[in-house]
């Protein structure tokens, strides 16, 4: 299996352009045609986080004539992002997707 195939497996059939996939892999210093190894697992997951975050923050996800904007789709993207962010302790993503409630304007005393 190649790094690109491993990334596609993590993305679980969410459509992305070849350019987006190539950039996400390159940003993690990986090439798509290189054979995937267990040591590259975190880098592939981080490439997936980048792509999933883009999908999550777009109003609609479109690839060619295919588009997704259903709330259930976004819920599943969010769940996948939370899983990967928790697994790799990506606190910035966790804070965006799962913010802690805050109380403002009320004195604790």
Protein backbone atom coordinates (compact mmCIF):
# COMPACT_ATOMS: atom_id res chain seq x y z
CA UNK A 1 0.00 0.00 0.00
CA UNK A 2 1.23 3.51 -0.79
CA UNK A 3 1.05 6.59 1.43
CA UNK A 4 -1.70 7.95 -0.81
CA UNK A 5 -3.73 4.76 -0.42
CA UNK A 6 -3.20 4.87 3.36
CA UNK A 7 -4.41 8.48 3.42
CA UNK A 8 -7.46 7.59 1.36
CA UNK A 9 -8.18 4.81 3.86
CA UNK A 10 -8.11 7.30 6.74
CA UNK A 11 -10.36 9.69 4.81
CA UNK A 12 -12.86 6.85 4.36
CA UNK A 13 -14.15 7.76 0.87
CA UNK A 14 -14.55 11.51 1.43
CA UNK A 15 -13.69 12.99 -1.98
CA UNK A 16 -10.65 15.28 -2.31
CA UNK A 17 -8.76 16.39 -5.40
CA UNK A 18 -5.45 14.77 -6.25
CA UNK A 19 -3.81 18.17 -5.72
CA UNK A 20 -5.20 18.49 -2.19
CA UNK A 21 -4.10 14.96 -1.32
CA UNK A 22 -0.65 15.54 -2.80
CA UNK A 23 -0.20 18.81 -0.88
CA UNK A 24 -1.35 17.29 2.41
CA UNK A 25 1.17 14.46 2.00
CA UNK A 26 3.96 16.82 0.90
CA UNK A 27 3.30 19.05 3.94
CA UNK A 28 4.08 15.97 6.06
CA UNK A 29 7.24 15.23 3.97
CA UNK A 30 5.62 12.17 2.37
CA UNK A 31 5.20 11.18 -1.26
CA UNK A 32 2.04 9.49 -2.41
CA UNK A 33 3.80 6.71 -4.33
CA UNK A 34 6.13 5.74 -1.47
CA UNK A 35 5.30 2.49 0.32
CA UNK A 36 3.42 3.11 3.55
CA UNK A 37 5.02 1.91 6.79
CA UNK A 38 3.79 1.94 10.39
CA UNK A 39 6.35 4.63 11.19
CA UNK A 40 4.50 6.97 8.81
CA UNK A 41 1.14 6.47 10.55
CA UNK A 42 1.20 9.78 12.44
CA UNK A 43 2.26 11.76 9.36
CA UNK A 44 -0.55 10.19 7.31
CA UNK A 45 -3.05 10.92 10.10
CA UNK A 46 -1.87 14.53 10.28
CA UNK A 47 -2.33 14.86 6.52
CA UNK A 48 -5.86 13.54 6.99
CA UNK A 49 -6.51 16.06 9.79
CA UNK A 50 -5.56 18.87 7.43
CA UNK A 51 -7.94 17.66 4.73
CA UNK A 52 -10.78 16.83 7.12
CA UNK A 53 -10.53 20.24 8.75
CA UNK A 54 -10.84 21.90 5.34
CA UNK A 55 -13.90 19.73 4.60
CA UNK A 56 -15.41 20.53 7.99
CA UNK A 57 -15.00 24.29 7.64
CA UNK A 58 -16.30 24.55 4.07
CA UNK A 59 -19.97 25.28 3.53
CA UNK A 60 -20.17 22.57 0.87
CA UNK A 61 -17.71 19.87 -0.18
CA UNK A 62 -17.62 19.41 -3.94
CA UNK A 63 -15.48 17.29 -6.24
CA UNK A 64 -16.38 17.28 -9.89
CA UNK A 65 -20.14 16.81 -10.13
CA UNK A 66 -20.39 15.32 -6.63
CA UNK A 67 -21.20 17.45 -3.58
CA UNK A 68 -21.83 16.91 0.12
CA UNK A 69 -23.36 19.39 2.54
CA UNK A 70 -25.66 17.22 4.62
CA UNK A 71 -25.46 17.86 8.40
CA UNK A 72 -24.94 14.13 9.03
CA UNK A 73 -21.88 14.20 6.75
CA UNK A 74 -20.41 17.10 8.74
CA UNK A 75 -21.13 15.30 12.01
CA UNK A 76 -19.17 12.31 10.76
CA UNK A 77 -16.29 14.53 9.59
CA UNK A 78 -16.26 16.17 13.03
CA UNK A 79 -16.24 12.79 14.78
CA UNK A 80 -13.31 11.62 12.63
CA UNK A 81 -11.44 14.86 13.30
CA UNK A 82 -12.01 14.57 17.06
CA UNK A 83 -10.74 10.99 17.01
CA UNK A 84 -7.53 11.90 15.15
CA UNK A 85 -6.96 15.10 17.14
CA UNK A 86 -7.37 13.22 20.42
CA UNK A 87 -5.11 10.39 19.24
CA UNK A 88 -2.31 12.83 18.37
CA UNK A 89 -3.04 15.42 21.11
CA UNK A 90 -3.74 18.25 18.66
CA UNK A 91 -5.05 20.68 21.26
CA UNK A 92 -5.68 23.50 18.78
CA UNK A 93 -8.07 21.31 16.76
CA UNK A 94 -9.67 19.93 19.93
CA UNK A 95 -10.37 23.44 21.22
CA UNK A 96 -12.03 24.42 17.94
CA UNK A 97 -14.16 21.30 17.61
CA UNK A 98 -14.95 20.64 21.24
CA UNK A 99 -14.76 23.96 23.10
CA UNK A 100 -14.98 24.02 26.88
CA UNK A 101 -17.98 26.00 28.18
CA UNK A 102 -17.18 29.32 29.80
CA UNK A 103 -19.21 31.53 32.10
CA UNK A 104 -18.87 35.27 31.58
CA UNK A 105 -20.16 38.18 33.57
CA UNK A 106 -20.88 36.16 36.70
CA UNK A 107 -18.80 36.50 39.83
CA UNK A 108 -17.85 33.18 41.45
CA UNK A 109 -18.30 34.83 44.87
